Amino acid sequence: IGWKSLAVNVSDIAAMGGIPLYALISLGLPGTTDVDDIKKLYRGMLELANQYEVTIAGGDVVRAPQLTISISVTGKALNDGILKRSTAQPGDQIAVTGYVGTSAAGLRMLTDKLKFDEETTFLLRKSHQRPQPRVAEGQKLVKSGVKSAIDLSDGLMSDLGHICKMSGVGANINVDKLPLHPAVKANFQETALELALSGGEDYELLFTTKPAIMDKLMKSIATPITVIGD
């Protein structure tokens, strides 16, 4: 829970193409809280903070009737600017990094106690519990001239809706182009599309840009990028 709690906030910086710098973490703890549980919580957060060079700069601890975790992450923009939800334009292509629906499949596996082979179980659990914020990718988008992006937290259709609303545009999506992991296709045949479109919590980057910029970007970035619409 520590890793994911901080990853969600770092991903917000990644979605703007920024550089995450500092995290403030405040905890509300019942009096019966086990100290070892708090140590485990912070181990997860420190592991992610170290990976993304984020400094946990402070916060607060207070007594509370139930556990609460409040995290704020601050960062800075690259000199080239930031990615926004309000800058998509007619004629842009819509693309997404990595896979979609994998985290939701992991949640379904855990809540429904589904049994898969060891490799699939590890993949789905990691995708849901330890998402990787696309920090370097967000910065690459900014440097390449991309103007519009969002991270996939609420689900692809919902988050794309945020861009459309803020930018005053509509969108066409080719569902056959959605990047589904083979493990999700094989084990969630009837619900894979639903997981990809509305599952959420993948924390991949959904972005829009002109075809010429998209072509150059797909040749220069190692992370898989899939054009899914316009």
Protein backbone atom coordinates (compact mmCIF):
# COMPACT_ATOMS: atom_id res chain seq x y z
CA ILE A 1 0.00 0.00 0.00
CA GLY A 2 2.94 2.33 0.61
CA TRP A 3 4.28 1.96 -2.92
CA LYS A 4 0.92 2.51 -4.58
CA SER A 5 -0.08 5.42 -2.34
CA LEU A 6 2.98 7.39 -3.42
CA ALA A 7 2.96 6.12 -7.02
CA VAL A 8 -0.52 7.58 -7.59
CA ASN A 9 0.76 11.04 -6.71
CA VAL A 10 4.03 10.76 -8.64
CA SER A 11 1.96 9.73 -11.65
CA ASP A 12 0.14 13.08 -11.49
CA ILE A 13 3.48 14.80 -12.05
CA ALA A 14 4.33 12.35 -14.85
CA ALA A 15 1.02 13.18 -16.56
CA MET A 16 2.19 16.80 -16.86
CA GLY A 17 5.63 15.83 -18.13
CA GLY A 18 7.18 17.20 -14.96
CA ILE A 19 9.99 16.22 -12.62
CA PRO A 20 8.77 15.00 -9.20
CA LEU A 21 10.87 16.37 -6.36
CA TYR A 22 9.33 16.30 -2.88
CA ALA A 23 6.62 14.37 -1.04
CA LEU A 24 4.79 15.36 2.14
CA ILE A 25 3.12 12.45 3.93
CA SER A 26 0.58 12.87 6.71
CA LEU A 27 -0.89 9.93 8.64
CA GLY A 28 -3.96 9.65 10.83
CA LEU A 29 -3.50 6.60 13.06
CA PRO A 30 -5.72 4.80 15.59
CA GLY A 31 -4.08 4.21 18.96
CA THR A 32 -3.98 0.47 18.29
CA THR A 33 -1.83 0.80 15.15
CA ASP A 34 1.08 -1.65 15.05
CA VAL A 35 4.41 0.12 14.61
CA ASP A 36 5.62 -2.67 12.29
CA ASP A 37 2.72 -1.94 9.94
CA ILE A 38 3.82 1.70 9.67
CA LYS A 39 7.39 0.58 8.99
CA LYS A 40 6.12 -1.64 6.15
CA LEU A 41 4.08 1.27 4.79
CA TYR A 42 7.13 3.52 4.70
CA ARG A 43 9.36 0.84 3.23
CA GLY A 44 7.10 0.73 0.19
CA MET A 45 7.04 4.51 -0.12
CA LEU A 46 10.81 4.80 0.32
CA GLU A 47 11.42 2.14 -2.33
CA LEU A 48 9.42 4.08 -4.89
CA ALA A 49 10.83 7.44 -3.75
CA ASN A 50 14.37 6.18 -4.24
CA GLN A 51 13.56 4.79 -7.69
CA TYR A 52 12.15 8.12 -8.88
CA GLU A 53 14.53 10.36 -6.90
CA VAL A 54 11.74 11.86 -4.80
CA THR A 55 12.62 13.22 -1.35
CA ILE A 56 10.14 12.54 1.45
CA ALA A 57 10.51 15.99 3.00
CA GLY A 58 8.08 15.84 5.89
CA GLY A 59 4.45 15.59 6.88
CA ASP A 60 2.54 14.98 10.11
CA VAL A 61 1.18 12.19 12.29
CA VAL A 62 -2.07 12.59 14.25
CA ARG A 63 -4.43 10.34 16.19
CA ALA A 64 -7.53 9.34 14.21
CA PRO A 65 -10.40 6.84 14.58
CA GLN A 66 -9.29 5.10 11.38
CA LEU A 67 -6.19 4.98 9.22
CA THR A 68 -5.85 7.88 6.80
CA ILE A 69 -2.96 8.61 4.44
CA SER A 70 -2.60 12.04 2.84
CA ILE A 71 0.21 12.56 0.32
CA SER A 72 1.20 15.63 -1.66
CA VAL A 73 3.95 15.54 -4.29
CA THR A 74 5.49 18.68 -5.73
CA GLY A 75 7.75 18.97 -8.74
CA LYS A 76 8.86 21.27 -11.50
CA ALA A 77 8.21 21.62 -15.20
CA LEU A 78 10.76 21.16 -17.92
CA ASN A 79 11.79 24.33 -19.73
CA ASP A 80 9.63 23.25 -22.67
CA GLY A 81 6.41 23.51 -20.68
CA ILE A 82 3.85 21.04 -19.33
CA LEU A 83 1.27 18.62 -20.68
CA LYS A 84 -2.34 19.73 -20.17
CA ARG A 85 -5.81 18.26 -20.51
CA SER A 86 -7.04 21.36 -22.34
CA THR A 87 -4.73 21.38 -25.37
CA ALA A 88 -5.97 18.50 -27.54
CA GLN A 89 -6.90 19.62 -31.07
CA PRO A 90 -8.98 18.28 -33.96
CA GLY A 91 -6.76 16.08 -36.12
CA ASP A 92 -4.68 14.80 -33.20
CA GLN A 93 -4.06 11.09 -32.88
CA ILE A 94 -4.79 9.47 -29.52
CA ALA A 95 -2.21 7.09 -28.08
CA VAL A 96 -1.44 5.26 -24.86
CA THR A 97 1.75 3.91 -23.34
CA GLY A 98 2.09 0.28 -22.24
CA TYR A 99 -0.96 -1.91 -21.66
CA VAL A 100 -4.48 -1.06 -20.48
CA GLY A 101 -6.73 -3.16 -18.26
CA THR A 102 -3.93 -5.06 -16.54
CA SER A 103 -4.38 -3.42 -13.15
CA ALA A 104 -8.14 -3.98 -13.22
CA ALA A 105 -7.51 -7.62 -14.13
CA GLY A 106 -5.19 -7.87 -11.12
CA LEU A 107 -7.87 -6.42 -8.84
CA ARG A 108 -10.43 -8.87 -10.25
CA MET A 109 -8.01 -11.74 -9.60
CA LEU A 110 -7.50 -10.68 -5.98
CA THR A 111 -11.12 -9.88 -5.10
CA ASP A 112 -12.57 -12.97 -6.82
CA LYS A 113 -9.70 -15.22 -5.63
CA LEU A 114 -9.00 -16.39 -9.18
CA LYS A 115 -6.22 -18.92 -9.71
CA PHE A 116 -3.72 -18.60 -12.55
CA ASP A 117 -0.22 -19.85 -13.27
CA GLU A 118 2.65 -18.33 -11.29
CA GLU A 119 3.82 -15.98 -14.04
CA THR A 120 0.34 -14.56 -14.69
CA THR A 121 -0.39 -14.21 -10.98
CA PHE A 122 2.85 -12.26 -10.45
CA LEU A 123 2.19 -10.00 -13.45
CA LEU A 124 -1.39 -9.12 -12.47
CA ARG A 125 -0.60 -8.62 -8.79
CA LYS A 126 2.34 -6.35 -9.59
CA SER A 127 0.34 -4.37 -12.13
CA HIS A 128 -2.33 -3.58 -9.56
CA GLN A 129 -0.27 -3.17 -6.41
CA ARG A 130 2.98 -1.67 -7.77
CA PRO A 131 2.20 0.57 -10.78
CA GLN A 132 5.13 2.30 -12.46
CA PRO A 133 4.56 6.03 -13.00
CA ARG A 134 5.64 7.03 -16.52
CA VAL A 135 7.86 9.90 -15.40
CA ALA A 136 10.59 9.60 -18.05
CA GLU A 137 7.99 9.02 -20.75
CA GLY A 138 6.05 12.16 -19.75
CA GLN A 139 9.20 14.24 -20.05
CA LYS A 140 9.91 12.69 -23.44
CA LEU A 141 6.43 13.66 -24.62
CA VAL A 142 7.03 17.28 -23.67
CA LYS A 143 10.41 17.38 -25.40
CA SER A 144 8.87 15.87 -28.55
CA GLY A 145 6.22 18.57 -28.82
CA VAL A 146 3.20 16.76 -27.34
CA LYS A 147 0.82 19.21 -25.64
CA SER A 148 -2.02 17.12 -24.21
CA ALA A 149 -1.96 14.15 -21.81
CA ILE A 150 -3.47 12.54 -18.72
CA ASP A 151 -2.63 9.48 -16.65
CA LEU A 152 -5.03 6.55 -16.63
CA SER A 153 -6.41 6.47 -13.12
CA ASP A 154 -10.20 6.42 -13.56
CA GLY A 155 -10.27 4.29 -16.72
CA LEU A 156 -9.46 5.01 -20.36
CA MET A 157 -12.92 6.21 -21.41
CA SER A 158 -13.38 8.38 -18.32
CA ASP A 159 -9.93 9.94 -18.54
CA LEU A 160 -10.24 10.50 -22.29
CA GLY A 161 -13.54 12.19 -21.48
CA HIS A 162 -11.67 14.64 -19.22
CA ILE A 163 -9.40 15.63 -22.12
CA CYS A 164 -12.33 15.97 -24.51
CA LYS A 165 -14.32 18.12 -22.09
CA MET A 166 -11.39 20.40 -21.22
CA SER A 167 -10.31 20.73 -24.86
CA GLY A 168 -13.76 21.04 -26.42
CA VAL A 169 -13.28 18.12 -28.80
CA GLY A 170 -14.76 14.69 -29.48
CA ALA A 171 -12.92 11.41 -30.00
CA ASN A 172 -13.07 8.19 -32.02
CA ILE A 173 -11.58 5.04 -30.48
CA ASN A 174 -10.82 1.80 -32.33
CA VAL A 175 -11.31 -0.84 -29.64
CA ASP A 176 -9.50 -3.41 -31.78
CA LYS A 177 -6.34 -1.33 -31.33
CA LEU A 178 -6.40 -1.29 -27.52
CA PRO A 179 -3.10 -2.72 -26.16
CA LEU A 180 -4.18 -5.68 -24.03
CA HIS A 181 -1.56 -7.87 -22.38
CA PRO A 182 -1.68 -11.47 -23.69
CA ALA A 183 -2.31 -12.70 -20.13
CA VAL A 184 -5.42 -10.53 -19.89
CA LYS A 185 -6.66 -11.63 -23.30
CA ALA A 186 -6.17 -15.30 -22.42
CA ASN A 187 -7.70 -15.27 -18.93
CA PHE A 188 -10.40 -12.59 -19.17
CA GLN A 189 -11.77 -13.23 -22.63
CA GLU A 190 -15.34 -12.08 -21.89
CA THR A 191 -14.43 -9.00 -19.85
CA ALA A 192 -11.05 -7.92 -21.30
CA LEU A 193 -12.55 -5.02 -23.26
CA GLU A 194 -14.48 -3.77 -20.23
CA LEU A 195 -11.33 -3.93 -18.09
CA ALA A 196 -9.36 -1.98 -20.71
CA LEU A 197 -11.95 0.75 -21.21
CA SER A 198 -13.19 1.34 -17.67
CA GLY A 199 -10.99 -0.62 -15.26
CA GLY A 200 -8.62 2.19 -14.32
CA GLU A 201 -5.49 2.39 -12.15
CA ASP A 202 -3.07 1.48 -14.94
CA TYR A 203 -1.29 4.85 -14.56
CA GLU A 204 -0.20 4.71 -18.18
CA LEU A 205 -0.15 7.97 -20.14
CA LEU A 206 -2.96 8.75 -22.56
CA PHE A 207 -1.93 11.56 -24.89
CA THR A 208 -2.82 13.30 -28.15
CA THR A 209 -0.65 14.90 -30.81
CA LYS A 210 -0.29 15.49 -34.53
CA PRO A 211 0.54 12.44 -36.72
CA ALA A 212 3.98 13.79 -37.67
CA ILE A 213 5.00 14.17 -34.01
CA MET A 214 3.51 10.75 -33.21
CA ASP A 215 5.59 9.09 -35.92
CA LYS A 216 8.83 10.60 -34.63
CA LEU A 217 7.93 9.79 -31.02
CA MET A 218 7.21 6.12 -31.73
CA LYS A 219 10.64 5.79 -33.34
CA SER A 220 12.51 7.46 -30.50
CA ILE A 221 10.96 6.06 -27.32
CA ALA A 222 11.55 2.55 -25.99
CA THR A 223 8.25 2.26 -24.15
CA PRO A 224 5.51 0.70 -26.30
CA ILE A 225 3.10 3.31 -27.69
CA THR A 226 -0.17 2.37 -29.38
CA VAL A 227 -2.33 4.72 -31.45
CA ILE A 228 -5.94 3.92 -30.54
CA GLY A 229 -7.94 6.68 -32.20
CA ASP A 230 -8.23 10.33 -33.12
